[in-house]
PDB file of N, CA and C in Angstrom:
ATOM      1  N   MET A   1       0.879  -1.177  -0.034  1.00  0.00           N
ATOM      2  CA  MET A   1      -0.055  -0.137  -0.022  1.00  0.00           C
ATOM      3  C   MET A   1       0.794   1.192  -0.008  1.00  0.00           C
ATOM      4  N   GLU A   2       0.457   2.160  -0.818  1.00  0.00           N
ATOM      5  CA  GLU A   2       1.468   3.347  -0.967  1.00  0.00           C
ATOM      6  C   GLU A   2       1.042   4.606  -0.142  1.00  0.00           C
ATOM      7  N   ARG A   3       1.964   5.030   0.585  1.00  0.00           N
ATOM      8  CA  ARG A   3       1.907   6.081   1.741  1.00  0.00           C
ATOM      9  C   ARG A   3       1.259   7.157   0.964  1.00  0.00           C
ATOM     10  N   GLU A   4       0.430   8.014   1.688  1.00  0.00           N
ATOM     11  CA  GLU A   4      -0.381   9.129   1.390  1.00  0.00           C
ATOM     12  C   GLU A   4       0.899  10.323   1.493  1.00  0.00           C
ATOM     13  N   CYS A   5       0.790  11.325   0.424  1.00  0.00           N
ATOM     14  CA  CYS A   5       1.739  12.400   0.509  1.00  0.00           C
ATOM     15  C   CYS A   5       1.551  13.221   1.668  1.00  0.00           C
ATOM     16  N   ILE A   6       2.573  13.518   2.560  1.00  0.00           N
ATOM     17  CA  ILE A   6       2.595  14.136   3.727  1.00  0.00           C
ATOM     18  C   ILE A   6       3.113  15.517   3.440  1.00  0.00           C
ATOM     19  N   LYS A   7       2.433  16.585   3.701  1.00  0.00           N
ATOM     20  CA  LYS A   7       2.745  17.969   3.512  1.00  0.00           C
ATOM     21  C   LYS A   7       3.609  18.597   4.537  1.00  0.00           C
ATOM     22  N   LEU A   8       4.793  19.339   4.179  1.00  0.00           N
ATOM     23  CA  LEU A   8       5.597  19.935   5.237  1.00  0.00           C
ATOM     24  C   LEU A   8       5.670  21.337   4.782  1.00  0.00           C
ATOM     25  N   LYS A   9       5.816  22.076   5.846  1.00  0.00           N
ATOM     26  CA  LYS A   9       5.967  23.683   5.721  1.00  0.00           C
ATOM     27  C   LYS A   9       7.238  23.963   6.367  1.00  0.00           C
ATOM     28  N   THR A  10       8.146  24.726   5.712  1.00  0.00           N
ATOM     29  CA  THR A  10       9.214  25.413   6.275  1.00  0.00           C
ATOM     30  C   THR A  10       8.956  26.503   6.914  1.00  0.00           C
ATOM     31  N   ILE A  11       9.520  26.679   8.126  1.00  0.00           N
ATOM     32  CA  ILE A  11       9.507  27.783   8.983  1.00  0.00           C
ATOM     33  C   ILE A  11      10.527  28.656   8.785  1.00  0.00           C
ATOM     34  N   GLU A  12      10.178  29.919   8.457  1.00  0.00           N
ATOM     35  CA  GLU A  12      11.351  30.878   8.328  1.00  0.00           C
ATOM     36  C   GLU A  12      12.185  31.230   9.547  1.00  0.00           C
ATOM     37  N   GLY A  13      13.427  31.412   9.292  1.00  0.00           N
ATOM     38  CA  GLY A  13      14.336  31.762  10.308  1.00  0.00           C
ATOM     39  C   GLY A  13      15.276  30.574  10.738  1.00  0.00           C
ATOM     40  N   VAL A  14      16.140  31.124  11.537  1.00  0.00           N
ATOM     41  CA  VAL A  14      17.127  30.033  12.290  1.00  0.00           C
ATOM     42  C   VAL A  14      17.030  30.009  13.683  1.00  0.00           C
ATOM     43  N   PHE A  15      17.000  28.859  14.276  1.00  0.00           N
ATOM     44  CA  PHE A  15      16.771  28.502  15.803  1.00  0.00           C
ATOM     45  C   PHE A  15      17.915  27.957  16.416  1.00  0.00           C
ATOM     46  N   SER A  16      17.733  28.230  17.736  1.00  0.00           N
ATOM     47  CA  SER A  16      18.659  27.726  18.645  1.00  0.00           C
ATOM     48  C   SER A  16      18.133  26.759  19.758  1.00  0.00           C
ATOM     49  N   VAL A  17      18.775  25.817  20.238  1.00  0.00           N
ATOM     50  CA  VAL A  17      18.490  24.989  21.417  1.00  0.00           C
ATOM     51  C   VAL A  17      19.110  25.292  22.436  1.00  0.00           C
ATOM     52  N   CYS A  18      18.511  25.648  23.633  1.00  0.00           N
ATOM     53  CA  CYS A  18      19.331  26.268  24.691  1.00  0.00           C
ATOM     54  C   CYS A  18      18.907  25.382  26.049  1.00  0.00           C
ATOM     55  N   LYS A  19      19.957  25.520  26.981  1.00  0.00           N
ATOM     56  CA  LYS A  19      19.713  25.049  28.359  1.00  0.00           C
ATOM     57  C   LYS A  19      19.557  26.244  29.187  1.00  0.00           C
ATOM     58  N   VAL A  20      18.646  26.454  29.992  1.00  0.00           N
ATOM     59  CA  VAL A  20      18.455  27.720  30.770  1.00  0.00           C
ATOM     60  C   VAL A  20      18.383  27.313  32.290  1.00  0.00           C
ATOM     61  N   GLU A  21      18.684  28.204  33.136  1.00  0.00           N
ATOM     62  CA  GLU A  21      18.531  28.037  34.521  1.00  0.00           C
ATOM     63  C   GLU A  21      16.983  28.355  34.919  1.00  0.00           C
ATOM     64  N   ASP A  22      16.446  29.131  34.311  1.00  0.00           N
ATOM     65  CA  ASP A  22      15.029  29.420  34.713  1.00  0.00           C
ATOM     66  C   ASP A  22      14.402  30.118  33.449  1.00  0.00           C
ATOM     67  N   TYR A  23      13.053  30.372  33.454  1.00  0.00           N
ATOM     68  CA  TYR A  23      12.355  31.070  32.328  1.00  0.00           C
ATOM     69  C   TYR A  23      12.141  32.429  32.539  1.00  0.00           C
ATOM     70  N   THR A  24      12.711  33.103  33.317  1.00  0.00           N
ATOM     71  CA  THR A  24      12.653  34.483  33.610  1.00  0.00           C
ATOM     72  C   THR A  24      13.157  35.181  32.323  1.00  0.00           C
ATOM     73  N   GLY A  25      12.306  36.116  32.053  1.00  0.00           N
ATOM     74  CA  GLY A  25      12.786  36.985  30.864  1.00  0.00           C
ATOM     75  C   GLY A  25      12.573  36.406  29.558  1.00  0.00           C
ATOM     76  N   ILE A  26      11.888  35.314  29.468  1.00  0.00           N
ATOM     77  CA  ILE A  26      11.547  34.751  28.157  1.00  0.00           C
ATOM     78  C   ILE A  26      10.181  35.099  27.613  1.00  0.00           C
ATOM     79  N   ASN A  27      10.084  35.794  26.542  1.00  0.00           N
ATOM     80  CA  ASN A  27       8.793  36.212  26.043  1.00  0.00           C
ATOM     81  C   ASN A  27       7.926  35.063  25.515  1.00  0.00           C
ATOM     82  N   LEU A  28       7.045  34.686  25.999  1.00  0.00           N
ATOM     83  CA  LEU A  28       6.400  33.382  25.655  1.00  0.00           C
ATOM     84  C   LEU A  28       5.123  33.727  24.722  1.00  0.00           C
ATOM     85  N   ASP A  29       5.006  35.027  24.361  1.00  0.00           N
ATOM     86  CA  ASP A  29       3.933  35.537  23.449  1.00  0.00           C
ATOM     87  C   ASP A  29       4.605  35.559  22.321  1.00  0.00           C
ATOM     88  N   ARG A  30       5.938  35.241  21.818  1.00  0.00           N
ATOM     89  CA  ARG A  30       6.479  35.093  20.631  1.00  0.00           C
ATOM     90  C   ARG A  30       6.144  33.958  20.014  1.00  0.00           C
ATOM     91  N   ASP A  31       6.200  33.802  18.702  1.00  0.00           N
ATOM     92  CA  ASP A  31       5.998  32.561  18.044  1.00  0.00           C
ATOM     93  C   ASP A  31       7.091  31.656  18.089  1.00  0.00           C
ATOM     94  N   PHE A  32       6.812  30.454  18.173  1.00  0.00           N
ATOM     95  CA  PHE A  32       7.960  29.324  18.230  1.00  0.00           C
ATOM     96  C   PHE A  32       8.912  29.484  19.380  1.00  0.00           C
ATOM     97  N   MET A  33       8.119  29.529  20.607  1.00  0.00           N
ATOM     98  CA  MET A  33       9.197  29.511  21.868  1.00  0.00           C
ATOM     99  C   MET A  33       8.617  28.221  22.567  1.00  0.00           C
ATOM    100  N   PHE A  34       9.425  27.213  22.455  1.00  0.00           N
ATOM    101  CA  PHE A  34       9.290  25.833  22.895  1.00  0.00           C
ATOM    102  C   PHE A  34       9.957  25.844  24.243  1.00  0.00           C
ATOM    103  N   LEU A  35       9.383  25.414  25.324  1.00  0.00           N
ATOM    104  CA  LEU A  35       9.878  25.080  26.626  1.00  0.00           C
ATOM    105  C   LEU A  35       9.808  23.724  26.980  1.00  0.00           C
ATOM    106  N   GLY A  36      10.832  23.084  27.568  1.00  0.00           N
ATOM    107  CA  GLY A  36      10.649  21.783  28.336  1.00  0.00           C
ATOM    108  C   GLY A  36      11.281  21.821  29.611  1.00  0.00           C
ATOM    109  N   SER A  37      10.630  21.087  30.455  1.00  0.00           N
ATOM    110  CA  SER A  37      11.055  21.075  31.857  1.00  0.00           C
ATOM    111  C   SER A  37      11.021  19.606  32.401  1.00  0.00           C
ATOM    112  N   THR A  38      12.232  19.215  32.852  1.00  0.00           N
ATOM    113  CA  THR A  38      12.262  17.798  33.466  1.00  0.00           C
ATOM    114  C   THR A  38      12.928  17.735  34.906  1.00  0.00           C
ATOM    115  N   ASP A  39      13.070  16.766  35.531  1.00  0.00           N
ATOM    116  CA  ASP A  39      13.775  16.730  36.800  1.00  0.00           C
ATOM    117  C   ASP A  39      15.250  16.924  36.543  1.00  0.00           C
ATOM    118  N   GLU A  40      15.807  17.017  35.335  1.00  0.00           N
ATOM    119  CA  GLU A  40      17.257  17.279  35.070  1.00  0.00           C
ATOM    120  C   GLU A  40      17.602  18.522  34.506  1.00  0.00           C
ATOM    121  N   GLU A  41      16.773  19.232  33.760  1.00  0.00           N
ATOM    122  CA  GLU A  41      16.960  20.364  33.040  1.00  0.00           C
ATOM    123  C   GLU A  41      15.700  21.307  32.646  1.00  0.00           C
ATOM    124  N   LYS A  42      16.066  22.477  32.185  1.00  0.00           N
ATOM    125  CA  LYS A  42      15.086  23.232  31.640  1.00  0.00           C
ATOM    126  C   LYS A  42      15.547  23.628  30.177  1.00  0.00           C
ATOM    127  N   SER A  43      14.793  23.586  29.316  1.00  0.00           N
ATOM    128  CA  SER A  43      15.367  23.801  27.842  1.00  0.00           C
ATOM    129  C   SER A  43      14.197  24.841  27.168  1.00  0.00           C
ATOM    130  N   LEU A  44      15.025  25.485  26.227  1.00  0.00           N
ATOM    131  CA  LEU A  44      14.108  26.498  25.485  1.00  0.00           C
ATOM    132  C   LEU A  44      14.633  26.197  23.987  1.00  0.00           C
ATOM    133  N   VAL A  45      13.733  26.092  23.088  1.00  0.00           N
ATOM    134  CA  VAL A  45      14.127  26.044  21.754  1.00  0.00           C
ATOM    135  C   VAL A  45      13.298  27.417  21.022  1.00  0.00           C
ATOM    136  N   CYS A  46      14.005  28.414  20.357  1.00  0.00           N
ATOM    137  CA  CYS A  46      13.451  29.675  19.928  1.00  0.00           C
ATOM    138  C   CYS A  46      14.298  30.092  18.764  1.00  0.00           C
ATOM    139  N   PRO A  47      13.697  31.073  18.226  1.00  0.00           N
ATOM    140  CA  PRO A  47      14.502  31.745  17.131  1.00  0.00           C
ATOM    141  C   PRO A  47      16.051  32.197  17.654  1.00  0.00           C
ATOM    142  N   THR A  48      17.028  32.273  17.000  1.00  0.00           N
ATOM    143  CA  THR A  48      18.306  32.625  17.546  1.00  0.00           C
ATOM    144  C   THR A  48      18.186  34.028  17.906  1.00  0.00           C
ATOM    145  N   SER A  49      17.461  34.870  17.179  1.00  0.00           N
ATOM    146  CA  SER A  49      17.338  36.268  17.573  1.00  0.00           C
ATOM    147  C   SER A  49      16.671  36.484  18.956  1.00  0.00           C
ATOM    148  N   ALA A  50      15.935  35.430  19.445  1.00  0.00           N
ATOM    149  CA  ALA A  50      15.133  35.650  20.800  1.00  0.00           C
ATOM    150  C   ALA A  50      15.826  34.974  21.840  1.00  0.00           C
ATOM    151  N   VAL A  51      17.138  34.429  21.746  1.00  0.00           N
ATOM    152  CA  VAL A  51      17.791  33.757  22.771  1.00  0.00           C
ATOM    153  C   VAL A  51      18.134  34.750  23.910  1.00  0.00           C
ATOM    154  N   PRO A  52      17.515  34.512  25.150  1.00  0.00           N
ATOM    155  CA  PRO A  52      17.840  35.347  26.259  1.00  0.00           C
ATOM    156  C   PRO A  52      19.184  35.315  26.765  1.00  0.00           C
ATOM    157  N   PRO A  53      19.636  36.458  27.479  1.00  0.00           N
ATOM    158  CA  PRO A  53      20.921  36.600  27.811  1.00  0.00           C
ATOM    159  C   PRO A  53      21.049  35.546  29.052  1.00  0.00           C
ATOM    160  N   GLY A  54      22.163  35.200  29.319  1.00  0.00           N
ATOM    161  CA  GLY A  54      22.471  34.004  30.499  1.00  0.00           C
ATOM    162  C   GLY A  54      22.077  32.769  30.391  1.00  0.00           C
ATOM    163  N   VAL A  55      22.159  32.210  29.117  1.00  0.00           N
ATOM    164  CA  VAL A  55      21.606  30.800  28.924  1.00  0.00           C
ATOM    165  C   VAL A  55      22.850  30.051  29.303  1.00  0.00           C
ATOM    166  N   LEU A  56      22.674  28.801  29.840  1.00  0.00           N
ATOM    167  CA  LEU A  56      23.761  27.895  30.461  1.00  0.00           C
ATOM    168  C   LEU A  56      24.494  27.198  29.202  1.00  0.00           C
ATOM    169  N   GLU A  57      23.835  26.808  28.209  1.00  0.00           N
ATOM    170  CA  GLU A  57      24.517  26.190  27.114  1.00  0.00           C
ATOM    171  C   GLU A  57      23.639  26.439  25.791  1.00  0.00           C
ATOM    172  N   ARG A  58      24.140  26.580  24.584  1.00  0.00           N
ATOM    173  CA  ARG A  58      23.232  26.745  23.501  1.00  0.00           C
ATOM    174  C   ARG A  58      23.803  26.084  22.377  1.00  0.00           C
ATOM    175  N   ASN A  59      22.964  25.726  21.497  1.00  0.00           N
ATOM    176  CA  ASN A  59      23.356  24.981  20.009  1.00  0.00           C
ATOM    177  C   ASN A  59      22.573  25.867  19.071  1.00  0.00           C
ATOM    178  N   ASP A  60      23.389  26.543  18.202  1.00  0.00           N
ATOM    179  CA  ASP A  60      22.758  27.501  17.133  1.00  0.00           C
ATOM    180  C   ASP A  60      22.714  26.766  15.807  1.00  0.00           C
ATOM    181  N   GLY A  61      21.908  27.298  14.881  1.00  0.00           N
ATOM    182  CA  GLY A  61      22.060  26.869  13.425  1.00  0.00           C
ATOM    183  C   GLY A  61      21.146  25.863  13.100  1.00  0.00           C
ATOM    184  N   TRP A  62      19.947  25.945  13.578  1.00  0.00           N
ATOM    185  CA  TRP A  62      18.873  24.887  13.133  1.00  0.00           C
ATOM    186  C   TRP A  62      17.915  25.688  12.225  1.00  0.00           C
ATOM    187  N   LYS A  63      17.241  24.884  11.382  1.00  0.00           N
ATOM    188  CA  LYS A  63      16.338  25.266  10.497  1.00  0.00           C
ATOM    189  C   LYS A  63      15.195  24.144  10.619  1.00  0.00           C
ATOM    190  N   VAL A  64      13.806  24.555  10.497  1.00  0.00           N
ATOM    191  CA  VAL A  64      12.793  23.816  10.922  1.00  0.00           C
ATOM    192  C   VAL A  64      11.684  23.706   9.860  1.00  0.00           C
ATOM    193  N   PHE A  65      11.106  22.633   9.729  1.00  0.00           N
ATOM    194  CA  PHE A  65       9.638  22.421   9.254  1.00  0.00           C
ATOM    195  C   PHE A  65       8.646  21.728   9.940  1.00  0.00           C
ATOM    196  N   ARG A  66       7.455  21.826   9.595  1.00  0.00           N
ATOM    197  CA  ARG A  66       6.399  21.258  10.636  1.00  0.00           C
ATOM    198  C   ARG A  66       5.688  20.438   9.599  1.00  0.00           C
ATOM    199  N   ILE A  67       5.172  19.385  10.093  1.00  0.00           N
ATOM    200  CA  ILE A  67       4.131  18.569   9.427  1.00  0.00           C
ATOM    201  C   ILE A  67       2.693  19.201   9.268  1.00  0.00           C
ATOM    202  N   GLU A  68       2.129  19.489   8.271  1.00  0.00           N
ATOM    203  CA  GLU A  68       1.119  20.449   8.054  1.00  0.00           C
ATOM    204  C   GLU A  68      -0.242  19.562   8.481  1.00  0.00           C
ATOM    205  N   GLY A  69      -1.047  20.330   9.139  1.00  0.00           N
ATOM    206  CA  GLY A  69      -2.292  19.839   9.584  1.00  0.00           C
ATOM    207  C   GLY A  69      -2.188  19.295  10.823  1.00  0.00           C
ATOM    208  N   ILE A  70      -3.340  18.925  11.370  1.00  0.00           N
ATOM    209  CA  ILE A  70      -3.497  18.494  12.610  1.00  0.00           C
ATOM    210  C   ILE A  70      -3.440  16.963  12.680  1.00  0.00           C
ATOM    211  N   LEU A  71      -2.401  16.312  13.401  1.00  0.00           N
ATOM    212  CA  LEU A  71      -2.250  14.971  13.525  1.00  0.00           C
ATOM    213  C   LEU A  71      -3.010  14.284  14.581  1.00  0.00           C
ATOM    214  N   ASP A  72      -3.795  13.320  14.157  1.00  0.00           N
ATOM    215  CA  ASP A  72      -4.638  12.636  15.312  1.00  0.00           C
ATOM    216  C   ASP A  72      -3.604  11.636  15.989  1.00  0.00           C
ATOM    217  N   PHE A  73      -3.933  11.653  17.298  1.00  0.00           N
ATOM    218  CA  PHE A  73      -3.006  10.676  18.199  1.00  0.00           C
ATOM    219  C   PHE A  73      -3.062   9.311  17.909  1.00  0.00           C
ATOM    220  N   SER A  74      -3.954   8.847  16.915  1.00  0.00           N
ATOM    221  CA  SER A  74      -3.868   7.324  16.652  1.00  0.00           C
ATOM    222  C   SER A  74      -2.905   7.238  15.455  1.00  0.00           C
ATOM    223  N   LEU A  75      -2.572   8.300  14.746  1.00  0.00           N
ATOM    224  CA  LEU A  75      -1.509   7.981  13.679  1.00  0.00           C
ATOM    225  C   LEU A  75      -0.096   7.404  14.101  1.00  0.00           C
ATOM    226  N   VAL A  76       0.415   6.549  13.259  1.00  0.00           N
ATOM    227  CA  VAL A  76       1.500   5.929  13.646  1.00  0.00           C
ATOM    228  C   VAL A  76       2.641   6.034  12.574  1.00  0.00           C
ATOM    229  N   GLY A  77       3.869   6.382  13.016  1.00  0.00           N
ATOM    230  CA  GLY A  77       5.017   6.304  12.192  1.00  0.00           C
ATOM    231  C   GLY A  77       5.189   7.532  11.205  1.00  0.00           C
ATOM    232  N   ILE A  78       4.561   8.483  11.422  1.00  0.00           N
ATOM    233  CA  ILE A  78       4.811   9.695  10.643  1.00  0.00           C
ATOM    234  C   ILE A  78       6.115  10.261  10.870  1.00  0.00           C
ATOM    235  N   LEU A  79       6.412  10.488  12.006  1.00  0.00           N
ATOM    236  CA  LEU A  79       7.798  11.163  12.437  1.00  0.00           C
ATOM    237  C   LEU A  79       8.853  10.114  12.248  1.00  0.00           C
ATOM    238  N   ALA A  80       8.593   8.847  12.508  1.00  0.00           N
ATOM    239  CA  ALA A  80       9.572   7.800  12.404  1.00  0.00           C
ATOM    240  C   ALA A  80       9.920   7.665  10.782  1.00  0.00           C
ATOM    241  N   GLY A  81       9.063   7.881   9.856  1.00  0.00           N
ATOM    242  CA  GLY A  81       9.252   7.935   8.382  1.00  0.00           C
ATOM    243  C   GLY A  81      10.174   8.804   8.002  1.00  0.00           C
ATOM    244  N   ILE A  82       9.835  10.263   8.416  1.00  0.00           N
ATOM    245  CA  ILE A  82      10.745  11.351   8.232  1.00  0.00           C
ATOM    246  C   ILE A  82      12.105  11.324   8.694  1.00  0.00           C
ATOM    247  N   SER A  83      12.374  10.615  10.019  1.00  0.00           N
ATOM    248  CA  SER A  83      13.575  10.580  10.580  1.00  0.00           C
ATOM    249  C   SER A  83      14.384   9.420   9.995  1.00  0.00           C
ATOM    250  N   SER A  84      13.744   8.360   9.533  1.00  0.00           N
ATOM    251  CA  SER A  84      14.381   7.379   8.814  1.00  0.00           C
ATOM    252  C   SER A  84      14.927   7.782   7.362  1.00  0.00           C
ATOM    253  N   CYS A  85      14.027   8.542   6.674  1.00  0.00           N
ATOM    254  CA  CYS A  85      14.594   9.030   5.294  1.00  0.00           C
ATOM    255  C   CYS A  85      15.684   9.763   5.440  1.00  0.00           C
ATOM    256  N   LEU A  86      15.743  10.778   6.595  1.00  0.00           N
ATOM    257  CA  LEU A  86      16.938  11.551   6.790  1.00  0.00           C
ATOM    258  C   LEU A  86      18.109  10.753   7.229  1.00  0.00           C
ATOM    259  N   ALA A  87      17.880   9.919   8.228  1.00  0.00           N
ATOM    260  CA  ALA A  87      18.951   9.194   8.962  1.00  0.00           C
ATOM    261  C   ALA A  87      19.683   8.344   7.702  1.00  0.00           C
ATOM    262  N   GLU A  88      18.990   7.615   6.788  1.00  0.00           N
ATOM    263  CA  GLU A  88      19.631   6.959   5.709  1.00  0.00           C
ATOM    264  C   GLU A  88      20.571   7.917   4.806  1.00  0.00           C
ATOM    265  N   ASN A  89      20.343   9.090   5.040  1.00  0.00           N
ATOM    266  CA  ASN A  89      21.009  10.007   4.126  1.00  0.00           C
ATOM    267  C   ASN A  89      22.176  10.879   5.074  1.00  0.00           C
ATOM    268  N   GLY A  90      22.238  10.487   6.151  1.00  0.00           N
ATOM    269  CA  GLY A  90      23.286  11.023   6.991  1.00  0.00           C
ATOM    270  C   GLY A  90      22.881  12.324   7.685  1.00  0.00           C
ATOM    271  N   ILE A  91      21.589  12.586   7.786  1.00  0.00           N
ATOM    272  CA  ILE A  91      21.126  13.867   8.249  1.00  0.00           C
ATOM    273  C   ILE A  91      20.366  13.574   9.719  1.00  0.00           C
ATOM    274  N   GLY A  92      20.972  14.261  10.729  1.00  0.00           N
ATOM    275  CA  GLY A  92      20.248  14.151  11.930  1.00  0.00           C
ATOM    276  C   GLY A  92      19.234  15.139  12.198  1.00  0.00           C
ATOM    277  N   ILE A  93      18.443  14.773  13.077  1.00  0.00           N
ATOM    278  CA  ILE A  93      17.203  15.652  13.321  1.00  0.00           C
ATOM    279  C   ILE A  93      17.128  16.146  15.026  1.00  0.00           C
ATOM    280  N   PHE A  94      16.405  16.968  15.144  1.00  0.00           N
ATOM    281  CA  PHE A  94      15.908  17.247  16.555  1.00  0.00           C
ATOM    282  C   PHE A  94      14.305  17.628  16.375  1.00  0.00           C
ATOM    283  N   ALA A  95      13.436  16.731  17.167  1.00  0.00           N
ATOM    284  CA  ALA A  95      12.065  16.977  16.993  1.00  0.00           C
ATOM    285  C   ALA A  95      11.394  17.479  18.236  1.00  0.00           C
ATOM    286  N   ILE A  96      10.232  17.974  18.018  1.00  0.00           N
ATOM    287  CA  ILE A  96       9.402  18.658  19.005  1.00  0.00           C
ATOM    288  C   ILE A  96       8.025  18.379  18.557  1.00  0.00           C
ATOM    289  N   SER A  97       7.249  17.721  19.429  1.00  0.00           N
ATOM    290  CA  SER A  97       5.767  17.459  19.190  1.00  0.00           C
ATOM    291  C   SER A  97       4.928  18.382  19.997  1.00  0.00           C
ATOM    292  N   THR A  98       3.787  18.933  19.571  1.00  0.00           N
ATOM    293  CA  THR A  98       3.043  19.795  20.048  1.00  0.00           C
ATOM    294  C   THR A  98       1.592  18.968  20.032  1.00  0.00           C
ATOM    295  N   TYR A  99       0.673  19.632  20.489  1.00  0.00           N
ATOM    296  CA  TYR A  99      -0.686  18.959  20.649  1.00  0.00           C
ATOM    297  C   TYR A  99      -1.157  18.644  19.222  1.00  0.00           C
ATOM    298  N   ASN A 100      -0.924  19.754  18.235  1.00  0.00           N
ATOM    299  CA  ASN A 100      -1.418  19.322  16.926  1.00  0.00           C
ATOM    300  C   ASN A 100      -0.521  18.737  16.009  1.00  0.00           C
ATOM    301  N   THR A 101       0.753  18.973  16.067  1.00  0.00           N
ATOM    302  CA  THR A 101       1.629  18.355  15.142  1.00  0.00           C
ATOM    303  C   THR A 101       3.123  18.259  15.553  1.00  0.00           C
ATOM    304  N   ASP A 102       3.924  17.906  14.638  1.00  0.00           N
ATOM    305  CA  ASP A 102       5.430  17.535  14.928  1.00  0.00           C
ATOM    306  C   ASP A 102       6.111  18.882  14.286  1.00  0.00           C
ATOM    307  N   TYR A 103       7.442  19.199  14.734  1.00  0.00           N
ATOM    308  CA  TYR A 103       8.244  19.982  14.213  1.00  0.00           C
ATOM    309  C   TYR A 103       9.659  19.339  13.945  1.00  0.00           C
ATOM    310  N   VAL A 104      10.235  19.359  12.805  1.00  0.00           N
ATOM    311  CA  VAL A 104      11.549  18.855  12.635  1.00  0.00           C
ATOM    312  C   VAL A 104      12.752  19.820  12.451  1.00  0.00           C
ATOM    313  N   PHE A 105      13.731  19.656  13.172  1.00  0.00           N
ATOM    314  CA  PHE A 105      14.703  20.666  13.069  1.00  0.00           C
ATOM    315  C   PHE A 105      16.006  19.809  12.490  1.00  0.00           C
ATOM    316  N   VAL A 106      16.795  20.699  11.539  1.00  0.00           N
ATOM    317  CA  VAL A 106      17.603  20.056  10.938  1.00  0.00           C
ATOM    318  C   VAL A 106      18.781  21.060  10.820  1.00  0.00           C
ATOM    319  N   LYS A 107      20.229  20.769  11.012  1.00  0.00           N
ATOM    320  CA  LYS A 107      21.180  21.650  11.012  1.00  0.00           C
ATOM    321  C   LYS A 107      21.034  22.550   9.602  1.00  0.00           C
ATOM    322  N   GLU A 108      21.367  23.785   9.703  1.00  0.00           N
ATOM    323  CA  GLU A 108      21.208  24.516   8.615  1.00  0.00           C
ATOM    324  C   GLU A 108      22.080  24.077   7.513  1.00  0.00           C
ATOM    325  N   LYS A 109      23.326  23.511   7.684  1.00  0.00           N
ATOM    326  CA  LYS A 109      24.114  23.052   6.772  1.00  0.00           C
ATOM    327  C   LYS A 109      23.500  21.865   5.852  1.00  0.00           C
ATOM    328  N   ASP A 110      22.480  21.170   6.490  1.00  0.00           N
ATOM    329  CA  ASP A 110      21.920  19.922   5.884  1.00  0.00           C
ATOM    330  C   ASP A 110      20.477  20.189   5.431  1.00  0.00           C
ATOM    331  N   PHE A 111      19.943  21.385   5.511  1.00  0.00           N
ATOM    332  CA  PHE A 111      18.444  21.463   5.206  1.00  0.00           C
ATOM    333  C   PHE A 111      18.174  21.474   3.768  1.00  0.00           C
ATOM    334  N   ASP A 112      19.005  22.035   3.031  1.00  0.00           N
ATOM    335  CA  ASP A 112      18.731  21.937   1.390  1.00  0.00           C
ATOM    336  C   ASP A 112      18.690  20.344   0.966  1.00  0.00           C
ATOM    337  N   LYS A 113      19.735  19.622   1.634  1.00  0.00           N
ATOM    338  CA  LYS A 113      19.724  18.330   1.244  1.00  0.00           C
ATOM    339  C   LYS A 113      18.482  17.427   1.831  1.00  0.00           C
ATOM    340  N   ALA A 114      18.014  17.717   3.090  1.00  0.00           N
ATOM    341  CA  ALA A 114      16.915  17.214   3.819  1.00  0.00           C
ATOM    342  C   ALA A 114      15.564  17.602   2.862  1.00  0.00           C
ATOM    343  N   VAL A 115      15.553  18.834   2.454  1.00  0.00           N
ATOM    344  CA  VAL A 115      14.328  18.980   1.664  1.00  0.00           C
ATOM    345  C   VAL A 115      14.445  18.097   0.446  1.00  0.00           C
ATOM    346  N   GLU A 116      15.543  18.048  -0.346  1.00  0.00           N
ATOM    347  CA  GLU A 116      15.556  17.173  -1.516  1.00  0.00           C
ATOM    348  C   GLU A 116      15.297  15.666  -1.384  1.00  0.00           C
ATOM    349  N   VAL A 117      15.855  15.137  -0.139  1.00  0.00           N
ATOM    350  CA  VAL A 117      15.661  13.777   0.217  1.00  0.00           C
ATOM    351  C   VAL A 117      14.068  13.559   0.266  1.00  0.00           C
ATOM    352  N   LEU A 118      13.507  14.325   1.096  1.00  0.00           N
ATOM    353  CA  LEU A 118      12.132  14.200   1.496  1.00  0.00           C
ATOM    354  C   LEU A 118      11.241  14.501   0.285  1.00  0.00           C
ATOM    355  N   ALA A 119      11.585  15.270  -0.569  1.00  0.00           N
ATOM    356  CA  ALA A 119      10.676  15.494  -1.768  1.00  0.00           C
ATOM    357  C   ALA A 119      10.887  14.092  -2.785  1.00  0.00           C
ATOM    358  N   SER A 120      11.994  13.494  -2.649  1.00  0.00           N
ATOM    359  CA  SER A 120      12.042  12.500  -3.511  1.00  0.00           C
ATOM    360  C   SER A 120      11.361  11.227  -3.000  1.00  0.00           C
ATOM    361  N   GLU A 121      10.939  11.307  -1.730  1.00  0.00           N
ATOM    362  CA  GLU A 121      10.275  10.160  -0.881  1.00  0.00           C
ATOM    363  C   GLU A 121       8.769  10.627  -0.722  1.00  0.00           C
ATOM    364  N   ARG A 122       8.112  11.446  -1.597  1.00  0.00           N
ATOM    365  CA  ARG A 122       6.765  11.644  -1.506  1.00  0.00           C
ATOM    366  C   ARG A 122       6.225  12.552  -0.476  1.00  0.00           C
ATOM    367  N   TYR A 123       7.221  13.293   0.106  1.00  0.00           N
ATOM    368  CA  TYR A 123       6.813  14.418   0.914  1.00  0.00           C
ATOM    369  C   TYR A 123       6.804  15.738   0.202  1.00  0.00           C
ATOM    370  N   ALA A 124       5.771  16.494   0.438  1.00  0.00           N
ATOM    371  CA  ALA A 124       5.624  17.737  -0.444  1.00  0.00           C
ATOM    372  C   ALA A 124       5.835  18.958   0.524  1.00  0.00           C
ATOM    373  N   PHE A 125       6.608  19.948   0.189  1.00  0.00           N
ATOM    374  CA  PHE A 125       6.726  21.071   0.731  1.00  0.00           C
ATOM    375  C   PHE A 125       5.868  22.092   0.219  1.00  0.00           C
ATOM    376  N   VAL A 126       5.147  22.764   1.242  1.00  0.00           N
ATOM    377  CA  VAL A 126       4.055  23.768   0.715  1.00  0.00           C
ATOM    378  C   VAL A 126       4.402  25.202   1.144  1.00  0.00           C
TER     379      VAL A 126
END
């Protein structure tokens, strides 16, 4: 059975993944501010232009695309399919899931190749 064409949308800008001490001074009203808090760390993923001062660590140079539409929680393997295609071509990812969909981050230097690979595998960029 052939897989349905999945639509992906490139999000403009360059992003950073940061480890932060706390969330003080982070403007949560900006678009694309992803926070993660566990028993081991507090993380922030945001546009590089919005990285707050005083982050503990950061990794810059990420570009991102999102899977278009609202993904039902019963769907299986969408992110796995994307990550497998990219992994087979030596491209690493960083993924974030929200209630509606998934965001896939790829290093800036690999982004054009990632788009080519995914387009050749029936993923459509809109």
